[in-house]
Structures are given as structure tokens and as C-alpha cells.
Protein backbone atom coordinates (compact mmCIF):
# COMPACT_ATOMS: atom_id res chain seq x y z
CA HIS A 1 76.81 15.67 27.93
CA LYS A 2 79.76 17.15 29.84
CA LYS A 3 81.39 13.72 30.09
CA SER A 4 80.97 13.15 26.32
CA TYR A 5 82.36 16.63 25.61
CA LEU A 6 85.48 15.95 27.67
CA LYS A 7 85.99 12.54 26.04
CA LEU A 8 85.78 14.04 22.54
CA LYS A 9 88.16 16.81 23.58
CA GLN A 10 90.69 14.19 24.74
CA LEU A 11 90.38 12.52 21.32
CA ARG A 12 91.04 15.93 19.67
CA VAL A 13 87.62 15.98 18.02
CA ASN A 14 86.65 19.56 17.23
CA GLN A 15 83.19 20.39 18.59
CA ILE A 16 81.14 23.31 17.33
CA VAL A 17 77.72 24.13 18.81
CA LEU A 18 75.10 25.57 16.44
CA TYR A 19 72.73 26.64 19.27
CA ARG A 20 69.48 25.71 17.55
CA LYS A 21 66.54 26.08 19.94
CA GLN A 22 64.55 22.86 20.29
CA GLY A 23 61.20 22.99 18.50
CA THR A 24 62.34 25.62 15.96
CA PHE A 25 63.87 25.40 12.50
CA GLY A 26 66.79 27.51 13.69
CA PHE A 27 67.67 29.93 10.89
CA LYS A 28 70.65 31.36 12.79
CA ALA A 29 71.95 27.84 13.40
CA PHE A 30 71.54 27.06 9.69
CA PHE A 31 73.58 30.10 8.65
CA ARG A 32 76.25 29.19 11.20
CA LEU A 33 76.46 25.76 9.58
CA LEU A 34 76.73 27.31 6.10
CA LYS A 35 79.69 29.39 7.26
CA ILE A 36 81.39 26.36 8.87
CA LEU A 37 80.98 24.24 5.73
CA LYS A 38 82.20 27.02 3.45
CA ASN A 39 85.29 27.70 5.56
CA ASN A 40 86.29 24.04 6.05
CA GLN A 41 85.39 22.45 2.70
CA TYR A 42 84.73 18.99 4.16
CA ASP A 43 84.80 15.92 1.91
CA ALA A 44 81.87 14.31 3.72
CA VAL A 45 79.20 15.48 6.15
CA HIS A 46 77.33 12.91 8.23
CA SER A 47 74.06 14.04 9.83
CA HIS A 48 71.60 12.47 12.26
CA LEU A 49 67.89 13.31 12.78
CA PHE A 50 65.62 15.32 10.53
CA ILE A 51 66.52 19.00 11.13
CA PRO A 52 70.30 18.42 10.89
CA ASP A 53 69.65 16.24 7.81
CA LEU A 54 67.64 19.09 6.30
CA PHE A 55 70.35 21.67 7.11
CA VAL A 56 73.05 19.67 5.37
CA ALA A 57 70.94 18.77 2.31
CA LEU A 58 70.01 22.45 1.84
CA SER A 59 73.66 23.44 2.22
CA GLN A 60 74.65 20.91 -0.43
CA LYS A 61 72.22 22.56 -2.88
CA LEU A 62 73.59 26.05 -2.15
CA PHE A 63 77.33 25.33 -2.52
CA ARG A 64 79.35 25.03 -5.69
CA TYR A 65 81.83 22.71 -4.04
CA LYS A 66 80.54 19.19 -3.69
CA PHE A 67 80.69 17.05 -0.57
CA LYS A 68 79.26 13.66 0.26
CA HIS A 69 76.18 13.76 2.50
CA VAL A 70 75.52 10.66 4.62
CA VAL A 71 72.36 10.36 6.72
CA THR A 72 71.75 7.71 9.37
CA VAL A 73 68.07 6.83 9.81
CA HIS A 74 67.45 5.89 13.44
CA ASN A 75 63.79 4.97 13.62
CA SER A 76 61.29 2.65 11.96
CA VAL A 77 58.72 5.47 12.01
CA ARG A 78 59.50 7.37 8.81
CA TYR A 79 60.52 11.01 9.29
CA HIS A 80 61.92 11.88 5.84
CA PRO A 81 58.96 12.83 3.60
CA LYS A 82 59.03 11.08 0.22
CA VAL A 83 58.89 14.34 -1.72
CA LEU A 84 62.06 15.58 0.04
CA VAL A 85 63.83 12.23 -0.48
CA ASN A 86 63.17 12.55 -4.23
CA PHE A 87 64.29 16.15 -4.63
CA LEU A 88 66.16 17.71 -1.70
CA PHE A 89 67.91 14.48 -0.62
CA ASN A 90 68.50 13.18 -4.15
CA LYS A 91 72.32 13.23 -3.66
CA THR A 92 72.19 11.87 -0.11
CA ILE A 93 73.39 8.40 0.91
CA PHE A 94 70.91 6.95 3.42
CA VAL A 95 72.10 4.42 6.00
CA ARG A 96 69.47 2.54 8.02
CA CYS A 97 70.61 1.46 11.50
CA SER A 98 68.48 -1.70 11.32
CA ALA A 99 67.13 -4.02 8.66
CA ALA A 100 63.72 -3.49 10.33
CA ILE A 101 63.62 0.05 8.95
CA LYS A 102 61.94 0.14 5.55
CA GLU A 103 63.83 1.39 2.51
CA LEU A 104 63.28 5.06 1.70
CA ALA A 105 63.37 4.50 -2.09
CA ALA A 106 66.16 7.08 -2.29
CA LYS A 107 67.92 8.11 -5.50
CA GLN A 108 71.31 6.89 -4.23
CA LYS A 109 72.11 3.36 -3.06
CA GLU A 110 70.92 2.69 0.51
CA PHE A 111 72.86 0.76 3.15
CA VAL A 112 72.14 -1.03 6.42
CA VAL A 113 74.76 -0.57 9.16
CA PRO A 114 73.56 -1.83 12.55
CA ASN A 115 74.25 0.29 15.59
CA ALA A 116 77.16 -0.98 17.64
CA ILE A 117 78.53 -0.96 21.17
CA ASN A 118 81.88 -1.51 22.85
CA PHE A 119 81.63 -5.18 23.84
CA ASN A 120 84.45 -4.83 26.38
CA LEU A 121 82.23 -2.61 28.56
CA TYR A 122 79.42 -5.17 28.80
CA LYS A 123 80.82 -8.68 28.38
CA PRO A 124 80.55 -10.74 31.58
CA THR A 125 84.28 -11.53 31.25
CA LYS A 126 84.90 -7.99 32.51
CA THR A 127 85.49 -7.64 36.24
CA PHE A 128 82.20 -6.05 37.24
CA LYS A 129 81.65 -4.20 40.43
CA LYS A 130 79.63 -6.40 42.79
CA LEU A 131 76.66 -4.22 43.64
CA ASN A 132 74.60 -5.05 46.68
CA LEU A 133 71.46 -3.92 44.92
CA LYS A 134 69.08 -5.93 47.05
CA GLN A 135 70.49 -4.45 50.24
CA GLU A 136 70.50 -0.97 48.69
CA LEU A 137 66.80 -1.34 47.84
CA GLY A 138 65.91 -3.02 51.14
CA LEU A 139 65.03 -6.36 49.51
CA ASN A 140 65.55 -9.91 50.72
CA ASP A 141 68.05 -12.27 49.07
CA ASN A 142 65.27 -14.18 47.27
CA ALA A 143 64.17 -11.13 45.28
CA THR A 144 64.36 -11.37 41.47
CA LEU A 145 65.52 -8.14 39.80
CA ILE A 146 63.98 -7.23 36.44
CA ILE A 147 65.63 -4.23 34.75
CA SER A 148 64.92 -1.92 31.82
CA VAL A 149 67.08 0.89 30.44
CA GLY A 150 65.76 3.84 28.44
CA ASN A 151 64.22 7.29 28.44
CA LEU A 152 60.90 7.54 30.27
CA ARG A 153 58.64 8.47 27.37
CA PRO A 154 55.56 6.90 25.74
CA GLN A 155 57.55 5.08 23.02
CA LYS A 156 59.53 3.11 25.63
CA ASN A 157 56.28 2.02 27.30
CA GLN A 158 57.55 1.19 30.83
CA LYS A 159 53.88 1.14 31.85
CA VAL A 160 53.74 -2.45 30.51
CA GLY A 161 56.56 -3.38 32.89
CA ILE A 162 54.53 -2.04 35.80
CA ASP A 163 51.51 -4.04 34.57
CA MET A 164 53.78 -7.11 34.44
CA ILE A 165 54.66 -6.70 38.12
CA TYR A 166 50.95 -6.33 38.94
CA GLU A 167 50.17 -9.57 37.07
CA LEU A 168 53.02 -11.44 38.76
CA LYS A 169 51.95 -10.26 42.20
CA ASN A 170 48.19 -10.66 41.88
CA ASN A 171 47.60 -13.45 39.36
CA TYR A 172 50.69 -15.59 39.96
CA GLU A 173 51.15 -14.81 43.67
CA GLN A 174 54.76 -13.83 43.04
CA SER A 175 55.64 -10.87 45.25
CA ASN A 176 59.42 -11.24 45.06
CA PHE A 177 59.80 -9.77 41.57
CA HIS A 178 61.08 -6.19 41.50
CA TYR A 179 61.27 -3.89 38.49
CA LEU A 180 64.22 -1.49 38.22
CA ILE A 181 63.53 1.38 35.82
CA CYS A 182 66.74 3.09 34.69
CA GLY A 183 66.37 6.44 32.96
CA LEU A 184 64.79 9.87 33.16
CA GLY A 185 62.08 11.57 31.13
CA GLN A 186 58.68 13.17 30.78
CA ASP A 187 56.74 10.07 31.91
CA GLU A 188 58.39 9.64 35.31
CA ALA A 189 55.64 11.29 37.39
CA ASN A 190 52.89 9.44 35.48
CA LEU A 191 54.64 6.09 35.91
CA LYS A 192 55.09 6.63 39.65
CA HIS A 193 51.43 7.56 39.99
CA TYR A 194 50.41 4.50 37.97
CA ALA A 195 52.50 2.13 40.11
CA HIS A 196 50.97 3.60 43.26
CA LYS A 197 47.46 3.33 41.79
CA LEU A 198 47.99 -0.40 41.09
CA GLY A 199 49.42 -0.93 44.56
CA VAL A 200 52.79 -2.21 43.31
CA ASN A 201 54.90 0.86 44.10
CA LYS A 202 56.99 -1.11 46.63
CA ASN A 203 58.05 -3.43 43.78
CA ILE A 204 58.91 -0.63 41.35
CA HIS A 205 62.25 1.17 41.75
CA PHE A 206 63.07 4.31 39.79
CA MET A 207 66.86 4.26 39.49
CA GLY A 208 67.28 7.55 37.63
CA LEU A 209 70.11 8.24 35.18
CA ARG A 210 72.89 5.75 35.90
CA GLU A 211 76.48 5.63 34.67
CA ASP A 212 76.98 2.04 35.88
CA ILE A 213 74.58 0.25 33.49
CA PRO A 214 77.04 -2.61 32.77
CA ASP A 215 77.27 -3.31 36.52
CA LEU A 216 73.49 -3.09 36.94
CA LEU A 217 72.92 -5.56 34.09
CA ASN A 218 75.48 -7.94 35.56
CA ASN A 219 73.81 -7.77 38.98
CA SER A 220 70.20 -8.16 37.73
CA ASP A 221 68.29 -11.31 36.73
CA ILE A 222 66.13 -10.37 33.72
CA PHE A 223 66.18 -7.50 31.20
CA ILE A 224 62.97 -6.29 29.54
CA ASN A 225 62.21 -3.85 26.73
CA CYS A 226 58.54 -2.93 26.22
CA SER A 227 58.97 -0.42 23.37
CA MET A 228 56.18 0.21 20.87
CA TRP A 229 58.74 0.91 18.12
CA GLU A 230 62.51 1.26 17.79
CA GLY A 231 65.31 1.76 15.32
CA LEU A 232 67.96 -0.57 16.59
CA PRO A 233 67.80 -0.45 20.41
CA LEU A 234 71.31 -0.21 21.84
CA ALA A 235 70.04 -1.03 25.33
CA VAL A 236 68.90 -4.42 24.01
CA ILE A 237 72.28 -5.10 22.36
CA GLU A 238 73.98 -4.17 25.63
CA ALA A 239 71.75 -6.67 27.43
CA PHE A 240 72.52 -9.40 24.88
CA VAL A 241 76.26 -8.86 25.34
CA SER A 242 75.99 -8.77 29.15
CA GLY A 243 74.54 -12.30 29.15
CA ILE A 244 71.37 -11.40 31.06
CA PRO A 245 68.18 -13.25 30.00
CA THR A 246 65.95 -10.93 27.95
CA ILE A 247 62.24 -10.45 27.29
CA LEU A 248 61.27 -8.10 24.44
CA SER A 249 58.07 -6.64 23.05
CA PRO A 250 56.73 -8.31 19.86
CA ILE A 251 57.76 -5.57 17.43
CA ASN A 252 59.58 -6.32 14.17
CA GLU A 253 62.63 -4.33 15.29
CA HIS A 254 63.11 -6.78 18.18
CA LYS A 255 62.29 -9.92 16.20
CA ILE A 256 64.94 -9.19 13.56
CA ILE A 257 67.82 -8.68 16.01
CA SER A 258 66.94 -11.57 18.34
CA LYS A 259 66.22 -14.50 16.00
CA GLN A 260 69.16 -16.61 17.18
CA ILE A 261 69.73 -15.12 20.63
CA PHE A 262 69.85 -17.68 23.42
CA LYS A 263 67.70 -17.08 26.54
CA ASN A 264 65.61 -14.44 24.79
CA PHE A 265 61.81 -14.32 24.79
CA ILE A 266 59.51 -12.28 22.55
CA SER A 267 56.29 -11.66 24.44
CA GLU A 268 53.17 -12.86 22.64
CA ASP A 269 51.42 -9.51 23.04
CA LEU A 270 52.45 -6.05 24.15
CA ASN A 271 50.81 -6.19 27.57
CA GLY A 272 51.68 -6.95 31.18
CA ASN A 273 50.17 -10.42 31.19
CA SER A 274 52.27 -11.57 28.21
CA PHE A 275 55.44 -10.28 29.84
CA ALA A 276 54.47 -11.98 33.12
CA LEU A 277 53.94 -15.29 31.28
CA SER A 278 57.41 -14.97 29.73
CA VAL A 279 58.92 -14.27 33.16
CA MET A 280 57.26 -17.37 34.59
CA GLU A 281 58.42 -19.49 31.64
CA LEU A 282 61.96 -18.20 32.01
CA ASN A 283 61.83 -18.92 35.73
CA LYS A 284 61.10 -22.60 35.03
CA GLN A 285 64.24 -23.00 32.94
CA GLU A 286 67.68 -24.03 34.12
CA LYS A 287 69.51 -21.13 35.75
CA LEU A 288 72.72 -20.24 33.90
CA SER A 289 75.36 -17.62 34.64
CA HIS A 290 75.64 -14.53 32.48
CA GLN A 291 78.96 -15.89 31.20
CA GLU A 292 77.37 -19.16 30.08
CA ILE A 293 74.58 -17.29 28.31
CA PHE A 294 77.01 -14.90 26.59
CA ASP A 295 79.10 -17.82 25.35
CA LYS A 296 76.03 -19.25 23.56
CA ARG A 297 75.14 -15.84 22.10
CA SER A 298 78.56 -14.51 21.10
CA MET A 299 78.77 -15.87 17.53
CA PHE A 300 75.53 -14.05 16.62
CA LEU A 301 76.59 -10.68 18.08
CA ASN A 302 79.62 -9.77 15.93
CA LEU A 303 77.36 -7.74 13.64
CA TYR A 304 77.00 -5.22 16.49
CA SER A 305 80.71 -4.83 17.27
CA LEU A 306 82.53 -1.51 16.88
CA ASN A 307 84.94 -3.03 14.34
CA SER A 308 82.07 -4.06 12.06
CA PHE A 309 80.43 -0.63 12.49
CA ILE A 310 83.61 1.35 11.76
CA ASN A 311 84.58 -0.74 8.73
CA SER A 312 81.09 -0.41 7.23
CA TYR A 313 81.01 3.38 7.54
CA GLN A 314 84.56 3.72 6.25
CA ARG A 315 83.56 1.90 3.06
CA ILE A 316 80.58 4.27 2.67
CA TYR A 317 82.72 7.38 3.16
CA GLU A 318 85.14 6.10 0.48
CA ILE A 319 82.45 5.65 -2.19
CA LYS A 320 83.34 7.70 -5.26
């Protein structure tokens, strides 16, 4: 957060903290927002996630001056109740971050603007730092590194990745596969206990919160995402752009964004055995460099570029 704050400060983006306590409505924060909106008379207010969305929609009802309210919906699990969409959010423009998210049947026209990343940070054409990950983790040169990136919480379902390693080791007699889990969260202790219980803890590596994800992707062999649901997963887009082979859970959110992606597998089921089967199938195929894989993917990835993202939102902000 500190790094993001400093970056925004360098870009001269004014940052105001409302100090809403997590798990509460935050009446004081709401009244702070009312004061900010009244004093600044913004033309448009863009909110993300339900409580901020609610704050802004309520503010719009209370003010005489009119501003445009834009909401980005980030998840396929609906969190805007229909009754509020019809009445409180009746002037709101909803933007879904993925075509996999169902329409809200809002009063105003809805849009789909896919999440985007800075391709220059992830493309294999970038000069990546050569990490000696295998040496760092005490592994031999024949080890295959499987990586996932995301918060450690039930939705992200890293437990399936641990099951995958168990299947590879015990049912396929493959002990050289290692799973690198990047991220922090509430499930960390449970996942460590689970890996130890299955006897695969030596093949599971908790990497913590990393700031060198592009380098880690470039130095790993396979990327997996085992999520039970998503909006549009940026970690998956980052993996696509990095050129690493990918294996994704069979959810609609993954199927929609990966239809034409080269060297991508959708597991048949959301379990460790299905992921292990995909790993074995991928292992049989011709080995290509990340650059070669990216070159075959690139024409299908422009939708997730920053230019496309910025232009789409600019057109929405300019709607009369």
C-alpha cells in the first residue's frame, strides 16, 4: 500500500482516506465522503466494491448537483441486490470486468471492460532477472516449478494445487514437481498443515508476498489457477502475457478468457487428479520458450492491454 501511495503521489493524484472500519457501514466515513463531494463538485465518481458503491449512490440521491456514477463489478458472485439496482442504483452506469459476469438488468446501459495489465512488465521480451529459484529452494536442476499467484483464501482454492502434487507424487511417481504458492492470507496455516498431513510439504513452497512476480513467472515452468470463482483474474492475464504454460480450473470465468490461448489447459474437474492429468499431458508436449508461446498468444491478448482499458473507460466517462 505504501508503494502504491508513493506512486500515486508522484503522478499528482490526490488521495483522501475515509477511514471506514472493515466490517462496518462506516457512517463517519460516509459523511466525510458527502463533504468531499459537495466541496469538489466532481463530474464523475467511479466506485469499486459494494460499500463504496452504496456510499456514492446514496450521495447522488442527496445532492442537487448531478454527477455521473460509474461502478465496476469485479466478481461473478452477485453482490448488488436487485432491489437496490432498480431503485438506489437507477442512475448508475455498471461496468462488468468480464463477459463471464451476468448482466445486472440495470436501468442504465451496461458495459463490459476487461481488466488490464501493463504488458511491458510481463512480456518475455523484457530483460528478466535470472532467478536461481531451484538453488534458493534447495532443489535439483531437474525440478519442475509450478506456480500460482493470489491471496490465500478459500475462493482461490490452493488446496487443489497441494492435492495435485500429492497425485503427481503418489499416483504418477513424479517427485520432481514443486508447487510455489505466492501470496498471503487467512488460509496459510491451514494449507501448510494440509501439505504436511499429505506428506508433500517438501514439495510445497510458500513464497509469501512477492514484488518480483514477472521474474518468478519467467523462471517457472507451469502456472496454475484453482479458483472456485473469479471476476476477471489479473494473475491469469499476467501469466498469459509472460508466455508460461497455464492450467486453469473449469469455471466459466476461465473458459471465456482462454478460448484461443495457446498452451493453456482447462482441467476437466476442480480436483487434484484433474490438474495432475493436465500437468502430465502438458509434459508430453514439445517444450517451447516463453517467448515462443507469447508470440502465438499475442494477437488474442490486446483486449487486456492498458490502451484498450483506458480508451473504453474514457468513452464511458464522456457519455452525456
